[in-house]
Amino acid sequence: MLHCKRQNLHRSKLPPPGAVGHIVGLSAVNPRRKCIVSHYPLYDNVSPYSMGIHTVWVRFLDNGSIQRFSGIWFEELP
């Protein structure tokens, strides 16, 4: 069991797992390519540069590929 006092100090707003949306500005070919938030990494960077989690793993619905992006680039669809 982990006994850590440090929490997600990055203060970023992450989308919930299972949210469907797209990555803003992904490419000029298909900027509205749909994806679903798969999971979060356990930790992003080495301290003290970035404390906490600010990236998400998404699975694209067209071909099933899984890629990692910053949470600020994910835009949830209504």
N, C-alpha and C. Protein backbone atom coordinates (compact mmCIF):
# COMPACT_ATOMS: atom_id res chain seq x y z
N MET A 1 0.84 -1.18 0.00
CA MET A 1 0.00 0.00 0.00
C MET A 1 0.88 1.24 0.00
N LEU A 2 0.47 2.24 -0.74
CA LEU A 2 1.23 3.47 -0.80
C LEU A 2 0.85 4.38 0.35
N HIS A 3 1.87 4.91 1.02
CA HIS A 3 1.64 5.84 2.12
C HIS A 3 2.33 7.16 1.77
N CYS A 4 1.70 7.92 0.89
CA CYS A 4 2.30 9.15 0.40
C CYS A 4 1.43 10.33 0.77
N LYS A 5 2.04 11.39 1.27
CA LYS A 5 1.29 12.58 1.63
C LYS A 5 1.12 13.52 0.44
N ARG A 6 1.98 13.42 -0.56
CA ARG A 6 1.90 14.31 -1.72
C ARG A 6 0.78 13.84 -2.65
N GLN A 7 -0.04 14.76 -3.07
CA GLN A 7 -1.16 14.46 -3.96
C GLN A 7 -0.90 15.08 -5.32
N ASN A 8 -1.93 15.16 -6.14
CA ASN A 8 -1.81 15.78 -7.45
C ASN A 8 -1.70 17.29 -7.26
N LEU A 9 -0.46 17.79 -7.26
CA LEU A 9 -0.22 19.21 -7.02
C LEU A 9 -0.20 20.03 -8.29
N HIS A 10 -0.41 19.39 -9.43
CA HIS A 10 -0.34 20.12 -10.69
C HIS A 10 -1.55 21.01 -10.88
N ARG A 11 -2.64 20.72 -10.22
CA ARG A 11 -3.88 21.49 -10.27
C ARG A 11 -4.52 21.52 -11.65
N SER A 12 -4.21 20.54 -12.46
CA SER A 12 -4.81 20.50 -13.79
C SER A 12 -6.17 19.82 -13.72
N LYS A 13 -7.06 20.21 -14.61
CA LYS A 13 -8.40 19.62 -14.66
C LYS A 13 -8.35 18.49 -15.68
N LEU A 14 -8.41 17.26 -15.20
CA LEU A 14 -8.34 16.11 -16.08
C LEU A 14 -9.73 15.60 -16.42
N PRO A 15 -9.93 15.12 -17.63
CA PRO A 15 -11.23 14.54 -17.98
C PRO A 15 -11.41 13.21 -17.26
N PRO A 16 -12.65 12.83 -16.97
CA PRO A 16 -12.88 11.56 -16.27
C PRO A 16 -12.61 10.37 -17.20
N PRO A 17 -12.19 9.24 -16.65
CA PRO A 17 -12.01 8.03 -17.47
C PRO A 17 -13.33 7.65 -18.14
N GLY A 18 -13.26 7.32 -19.42
CA GLY A 18 -14.45 6.96 -20.18
C GLY A 18 -15.08 8.12 -20.92
N ALA A 19 -14.54 9.34 -20.75
CA ALA A 19 -15.07 10.51 -21.44
C ALA A 19 -14.74 10.42 -22.93
N VAL A 20 -15.71 10.73 -23.77
CA VAL A 20 -15.51 10.71 -25.22
C VAL A 20 -15.34 12.14 -25.70
N GLY A 21 -14.34 12.35 -26.55
CA GLY A 21 -14.08 13.69 -27.06
C GLY A 21 -13.09 13.64 -28.20
N HIS A 22 -12.34 14.73 -28.36
CA HIS A 22 -11.30 14.79 -29.39
C HIS A 22 -10.13 15.61 -28.86
N ILE A 23 -8.98 15.50 -29.52
CA ILE A 23 -7.79 16.24 -29.16
C ILE A 23 -7.76 17.51 -30.02
N VAL A 24 -7.72 18.66 -29.38
CA VAL A 24 -7.75 19.94 -30.07
C VAL A 24 -6.45 20.12 -30.86
N GLY A 25 -6.57 20.43 -32.14
CA GLY A 25 -5.41 20.68 -32.98
C GLY A 25 -4.56 19.47 -33.26
N LEU A 26 -5.17 18.29 -33.30
CA LEU A 26 -4.39 17.06 -33.49
C LEU A 26 -3.70 17.03 -34.84
N SER A 27 -4.45 17.29 -35.90
CA SER A 27 -3.84 17.32 -37.23
C SER A 27 -4.73 18.12 -38.17
N ALA A 28 -4.16 18.51 -39.28
CA ALA A 28 -4.94 19.25 -40.27
C ALA A 28 -5.83 18.32 -41.08
N VAL A 29 -5.55 17.03 -41.06
CA VAL A 29 -6.32 16.07 -41.85
C VAL A 29 -7.67 15.81 -41.20
N ASN A 30 -7.70 15.47 -39.91
CA ASN A 30 -8.94 15.17 -39.21
C ASN A 30 -8.86 15.69 -37.78
N PRO A 31 -9.13 16.98 -37.55
CA PRO A 31 -9.01 17.53 -36.20
C PRO A 31 -10.11 17.07 -35.25
N ARG A 32 -11.19 16.48 -35.75
CA ARG A 32 -12.30 16.02 -34.91
C ARG A 32 -12.28 14.51 -34.73
N ARG A 33 -11.13 13.90 -34.77
CA ARG A 33 -10.98 12.44 -34.61
C ARG A 33 -11.38 12.05 -33.18
N LYS A 34 -12.42 11.23 -33.03
CA LYS A 34 -12.96 10.90 -31.72
C LYS A 34 -12.06 9.92 -30.97
N CYS A 35 -12.00 10.13 -29.65
CA CYS A 35 -11.23 9.24 -28.78
C CYS A 35 -11.91 9.15 -27.42
N ILE A 36 -11.49 8.18 -26.64
CA ILE A 36 -12.03 7.95 -25.30
C ILE A 36 -10.87 7.91 -24.32
N VAL A 37 -11.06 8.53 -23.14
CA VAL A 37 -10.01 8.54 -22.12
C VAL A 37 -9.90 7.13 -21.56
N SER A 38 -8.74 6.54 -21.72
CA SER A 38 -8.51 5.16 -21.28
C SER A 38 -8.07 5.10 -19.82
N HIS A 39 -6.99 5.79 -19.48
CA HIS A 39 -6.46 5.77 -18.12
C HIS A 39 -5.46 6.90 -17.93
N TYR A 40 -5.00 7.06 -16.69
CA TYR A 40 -4.00 8.05 -16.35
C TYR A 40 -2.69 7.35 -16.03
N PRO A 41 -1.55 8.03 -16.26
CA PRO A 41 -0.28 7.44 -15.82
C PRO A 41 -0.17 7.53 -14.30
N LEU A 42 0.67 6.71 -13.70
CA LEU A 42 0.85 6.75 -12.25
C LEU A 42 1.52 8.05 -11.83
N TYR A 43 2.48 8.50 -12.62
CA TYR A 43 3.19 9.74 -12.34
C TYR A 43 3.75 10.26 -13.65
N ASP A 44 3.83 11.58 -13.82
CA ASP A 44 4.25 12.15 -15.10
C ASP A 44 5.74 12.41 -15.23
N ASN A 45 6.31 13.21 -14.38
CA ASN A 45 7.70 13.64 -14.53
C ASN A 45 8.47 13.47 -13.23
N VAL A 46 9.75 13.67 -13.33
CA VAL A 46 10.63 13.60 -12.17
C VAL A 46 10.52 14.89 -11.38
N SER A 47 10.43 14.78 -10.05
CA SER A 47 10.37 15.96 -9.19
C SER A 47 11.65 16.75 -9.34
N PRO A 48 11.70 18.00 -9.19
CA PRO A 48 10.64 18.95 -8.84
C PRO A 48 10.01 19.62 -10.05
N TYR A 49 10.25 19.11 -11.25
CA TYR A 49 9.83 19.80 -12.47
C TYR A 49 8.32 19.80 -12.65
N SER A 50 7.66 18.70 -12.44
CA SER A 50 6.22 18.63 -12.58
C SER A 50 5.69 17.64 -11.55
N MET A 51 5.06 18.16 -10.52
CA MET A 51 4.52 17.29 -9.48
C MET A 51 3.06 17.00 -9.78
N GLY A 52 2.70 15.75 -9.84
CA GLY A 52 1.32 15.36 -10.08
C GLY A 52 1.10 14.88 -11.50
N ILE A 53 -0.13 14.56 -11.79
CA ILE A 53 -0.50 14.00 -13.09
C ILE A 53 -1.16 15.09 -13.93
N HIS A 54 -0.72 15.23 -15.17
CA HIS A 54 -1.36 16.19 -16.07
C HIS A 54 -1.56 15.61 -17.47
N THR A 55 -1.26 14.33 -17.67
CA THR A 55 -1.49 13.71 -18.98
C THR A 55 -2.50 12.57 -18.87
N VAL A 56 -3.11 12.24 -19.99
CA VAL A 56 -4.08 11.14 -20.05
C VAL A 56 -3.72 10.24 -21.23
N TRP A 57 -4.07 8.99 -21.13
CA TRP A 57 -3.95 8.04 -22.23
C TRP A 57 -5.31 7.94 -22.88
N VAL A 58 -5.37 8.13 -24.20
CA VAL A 58 -6.63 8.05 -24.93
C VAL A 58 -6.55 6.95 -25.98
N ARG A 59 -7.71 6.33 -26.25
CA ARG A 59 -7.81 5.31 -27.30
C ARG A 59 -8.69 5.89 -28.39
N PHE A 60 -8.16 5.94 -29.62
CA PHE A 60 -8.92 6.48 -30.74
C PHE A 60 -9.93 5.44 -31.22
N LEU A 61 -11.14 5.92 -31.55
CA LEU A 61 -12.23 5.02 -31.90
C LEU A 61 -12.16 4.52 -33.33
N ASP A 62 -11.42 5.19 -34.20
CA ASP A 62 -11.37 4.75 -35.59
C ASP A 62 -10.43 3.57 -35.81
N ASN A 63 -9.28 3.55 -35.13
CA ASN A 63 -8.35 2.44 -35.36
C ASN A 63 -7.88 1.76 -34.07
N GLY A 64 -8.29 2.24 -32.91
CA GLY A 64 -7.95 1.60 -31.64
C GLY A 64 -6.56 1.91 -31.11
N SER A 65 -5.84 2.85 -31.73
CA SER A 65 -4.50 3.18 -31.25
C SER A 65 -4.59 3.93 -29.92
N ILE A 66 -3.60 3.73 -29.05
CA ILE A 66 -3.56 4.37 -27.75
C ILE A 66 -2.37 5.33 -27.73
N GLN A 67 -2.64 6.60 -27.34
CA GLN A 67 -1.59 7.62 -27.29
C GLN A 67 -1.75 8.46 -26.03
N ARG A 68 -0.68 9.11 -25.64
CA ARG A 68 -0.66 9.94 -24.44
C ARG A 68 -0.64 11.42 -24.82
N PHE A 69 -1.54 12.21 -24.19
CA PHE A 69 -1.64 13.64 -24.46
C PHE A 69 -1.80 14.39 -23.14
N SER A 70 -1.49 15.67 -23.17
CA SER A 70 -1.75 16.52 -22.03
C SER A 70 -3.25 16.68 -21.87
N GLY A 71 -3.72 16.74 -20.62
CA GLY A 71 -5.15 16.84 -20.35
C GLY A 71 -5.78 18.10 -20.87
N ILE A 72 -4.99 19.17 -21.07
CA ILE A 72 -5.56 20.42 -21.54
C ILE A 72 -5.96 20.36 -23.02
N TRP A 73 -5.40 19.39 -23.77
CA TRP A 73 -5.72 19.27 -25.19
C TRP A 73 -6.96 18.43 -25.45
N PHE A 74 -7.48 17.74 -24.44
CA PHE A 74 -8.68 16.91 -24.62
C PHE A 74 -9.91 17.78 -24.44
N GLU A 75 -10.81 17.73 -25.42
CA GLU A 75 -12.07 18.46 -25.36
C GLU A 75 -13.21 17.46 -25.40
N GLU A 76 -13.98 17.40 -24.33
CA GLU A 76 -15.07 16.44 -24.22
C GLU A 76 -16.24 16.85 -25.10
N LEU A 77 -16.85 15.88 -25.77
CA LEU A 77 -18.02 16.13 -26.61
C LEU A 77 -19.27 16.15 -25.74
N PRO A 78 -20.24 17.02 -26.08
CA PRO A 78 -21.48 17.08 -25.28
C PRO A 78 -22.35 15.86 -25.46
